Amino acid sequence: MSSRLVIGLVIVAIGGLLLLGNLGWLDSRHLLRTLWPLALVAAGVSMMRNPERGKNQTWAWVLITVGLWIFLDKVGWLDFNIWQLLVPAIL
């Protein structure tokens, strides 16, 4: 699958979610606020699938890790925020 096709499908899916929200069938705002970190994961996975860019492997893993961390925090599966870990580590 090409990256253009994936981006197009994501745009169509977001449009469908917004349409369902406007029709009152689901709470699309809450759903999009919860699922936006998965876009970071998808960007990281697409960077890893591109073999000629070996130097982007590190950034791909960073995007995947941060996206999963934020998603799990939003869903409520983590007890602490990323900032509670990151700020003391930087200091």
C-alpha atoms as a PDB file:
ATOM      1  CA  MET A   1       0.000   0.000   0.000  1.00  0.00           C
ATOM      2  CA  SER A   2       1.351   3.387  -0.911  1.00  0.00           C
ATOM      3  CA  SER A   3       1.520   6.198   1.615  1.00  0.00           C
ATOM      4  CA  ARG A   4      -0.810   8.334  -0.519  1.00  0.00           C
ATOM      5  CA  LEU A   5      -3.481   5.658  -0.349  1.00  0.00           C
ATOM      6  CA  VAL A   6      -3.129   5.396   3.433  1.00  0.00           C
ATOM      7  CA  ILE A   7      -3.358   9.176   3.850  1.00  0.00           C
ATOM      8  CA  GLY A   8      -6.422   9.248   1.608  1.00  0.00           C
ATOM      9  CA  LEU A   9      -8.110   6.494   3.599  1.00  0.00           C
ATOM     10  CA  VAL A  10      -7.369   8.302   6.855  1.00  0.00           C
ATOM     11  CA  ILE A  11      -8.894  11.513   5.502  1.00  0.00           C
ATOM     12  CA  VAL A  12     -12.010   9.629   4.355  1.00  0.00           C
ATOM     13  CA  ALA A  13     -12.285   7.916   7.760  1.00  0.00           C
ATOM     14  CA  ILE A  14     -12.013  11.241   9.608  1.00  0.00           C
ATOM     15  CA  GLY A  15     -14.656  12.718   7.324  1.00  0.00           C
ATOM     16  CA  GLY A  16     -16.925   9.747   8.014  1.00  0.00           C
ATOM     17  CA  LEU A  17     -16.465  10.157  11.767  1.00  0.00           C
ATOM     18  CA  LEU A  18     -17.293  13.847  11.558  1.00  0.00           C
ATOM     19  CA  LEU A  19     -20.377  13.076   9.460  1.00  0.00           C
ATOM     20  CA  LEU A  20     -21.577  10.508  12.001  1.00  0.00           C
ATOM     21  CA  GLY A  21     -21.000  13.090  14.728  1.00  0.00           C
ATOM     22  CA  ASN A  22     -23.025  15.700  12.872  1.00  0.00           C
ATOM     23  CA  LEU A  23     -25.840  13.193  12.429  1.00  0.00           C
ATOM     24  CA  GLY A  24     -25.796  12.594  16.197  1.00  0.00           C
ATOM     25  CA  TRP A  25     -24.957   8.910  15.991  1.00  0.00           C
ATOM     26  CA  LEU A  26     -21.738   9.130  18.012  1.00  0.00           C
ATOM     27  CA  ASP A  27     -19.569  11.629  19.844  1.00  0.00           C
ATOM     28  CA  SER A  28     -16.969  12.247  17.156  1.00  0.00           C
ATOM     29  CA  ARG A  29     -15.159  14.992  19.100  1.00  0.00           C
ATOM     30  CA  HIS A  30     -14.425  12.669  21.999  1.00  0.00           C
ATOM     31  CA  LEU A  31     -13.427   9.884  19.640  1.00  0.00           C
ATOM     32  CA  LEU A  32     -11.021  12.095  17.674  1.00  0.00           C
ATOM     33  CA  ARG A  33      -9.558  13.570  20.874  1.00  0.00           C
ATOM     34  CA  THR A  34      -8.868  10.048  22.068  1.00  0.00           C
ATOM     35  CA  LEU A  35      -7.546   8.605  18.805  1.00  0.00           C
ATOM     36  CA  TRP A  36      -5.308  11.424  17.493  1.00  0.00           C
ATOM     37  CA  PRO A  37      -2.116   9.940  19.035  1.00  0.00           C
ATOM     38  CA  LEU A  38      -2.527   6.941  16.748  1.00  0.00           C
ATOM     39  CA  ALA A  39      -1.676   9.306  13.877  1.00  0.00           C
ATOM     40  CA  LEU A  40       1.809   9.594  15.408  1.00  0.00           C
ATOM     41  CA  VAL A  41       2.034   5.814  15.515  1.00  0.00           C
ATOM     42  CA  ALA A  42       0.940   5.580  11.868  1.00  0.00           C
ATOM     43  CA  ALA A  43       3.521   8.197  10.863  1.00  0.00           C
ATOM     44  CA  GLY A  44       6.243   6.247  12.676  1.00  0.00           C
ATOM     45  CA  VAL A  45       5.230   2.986  11.046  1.00  0.00           C
ATOM     46  CA  SER A  46       5.206   4.604   7.606  1.00  0.00           C
ATOM     47  CA  MET A  47       8.699   5.995   8.271  1.00  0.00           C
ATOM     48  CA  MET A  48       9.903   2.500   9.172  1.00  0.00           C
ATOM     49  CA  ARG A  49       8.421   1.007   6.009  1.00  0.00           C
ATOM     50  CA  ASN A  50      10.540   3.323   3.842  1.00  0.00           C
ATOM     51  CA  PRO A  51      13.801   1.346   3.459  1.00  0.00           C
ATOM     52  CA  GLU A  52      15.942   4.021   1.798  1.00  0.00           C
ATOM     53  CA  ARG A  53      15.745   6.301   4.816  1.00  0.00           C
ATOM     54  CA  GLY A  54      17.760   4.375   7.371  1.00  0.00           C
ATOM     55  CA  LYS A  55      18.525   7.434   9.453  1.00  0.00           C
ATOM     56  CA  ASN A  56      14.829   7.966  10.189  1.00  0.00           C
ATOM     57  CA  GLN A  57      14.561   4.675  12.070  1.00  0.00           C
ATOM     58  CA  THR A  58      15.278   6.405  15.378  1.00  0.00           C
ATOM     59  CA  TRP A  59      12.659   9.096  14.799  1.00  0.00           C
ATOM     60  CA  ALA A  60      10.187   6.445  13.702  1.00  0.00           C
ATOM     61  CA  TRP A  61      10.608   4.642  17.021  1.00  0.00           C
ATOM     62  CA  VAL A  62      10.300   7.937  18.899  1.00  0.00           C
ATOM     63  CA  LEU A  63       7.009   8.729  17.129  1.00  0.00           C
ATOM     64  CA  ILE A  64       5.648   5.235  17.763  1.00  0.00           C
ATOM     65  CA  THR A  65       6.620   5.310  21.445  1.00  0.00           C
ATOM     66  CA  VAL A  66       5.284   8.809  22.115  1.00  0.00           C
ATOM     67  CA  GLY A  67       2.079   8.123  20.196  1.00  0.00           C
ATOM     68  CA  LEU A  68       1.405   4.897  22.090  1.00  0.00           C
ATOM     69  CA  TRP A  69       2.246   6.538  25.406  1.00  0.00           C
ATOM     70  CA  ILE A  70      -0.159   9.438  24.837  1.00  0.00           C
ATOM     71  CA  PHE A  71      -2.878   7.090  23.555  1.00  0.00           C
ATOM     72  CA  LEU A  72      -2.591   4.774  26.556  1.00  0.00           C
ATOM     73  CA  ASP A  73      -2.691   7.801  28.860  1.00  0.00           C
ATOM     74  CA  LYS A  74      -5.852   9.131  27.185  1.00  0.00           C
ATOM     75  CA  VAL A  75      -7.563   5.742  27.365  1.00  0.00           C
ATOM     76  CA  GLY A  76      -6.682   5.519  31.067  1.00  0.00           C
ATOM     77  CA  TRP A  77      -4.386   2.515  30.990  1.00  0.00           C
ATOM     78  CA  LEU A  78      -1.437   4.447  32.463  1.00  0.00           C
ATOM     79  CA  ASP A  79      -1.479   5.902  35.956  1.00  0.00           C
ATOM     80  CA  PHE A  80       0.973   8.714  35.308  1.00  0.00           C
ATOM     81  CA  ASN A  81       1.436  11.410  32.736  1.00  0.00           C
ATOM     82  CA  ILE A  82       4.417  11.535  30.372  1.00  0.00           C
ATOM     83  CA  TRP A  83       5.327  14.936  31.821  1.00  0.00           C
ATOM     84  CA  GLN A  84       5.626  13.446  35.304  1.00  0.00           C
ATOM     85  CA  LEU A  85       8.395  11.226  33.957  1.00  0.00           C
ATOM     86  CA  LEU A  86       9.947  13.511  31.328  1.00  0.00           C
ATOM     87  CA  VAL A  87      10.416  16.739  33.309  1.00  0.00           C
ATOM     88  CA  PRO A  88      12.381  15.159  36.206  1.00  0.00           C
ATOM     89  CA  ALA A  89      14.433  13.149  33.720  1.00  0.00           C
ATOM     90  CA  ILE A  90      15.403  16.340  31.876  1.00  0.00           C
ATOM     91  CA  LEU A  91      16.253  18.146  35.093  1.00  0.00           C
END
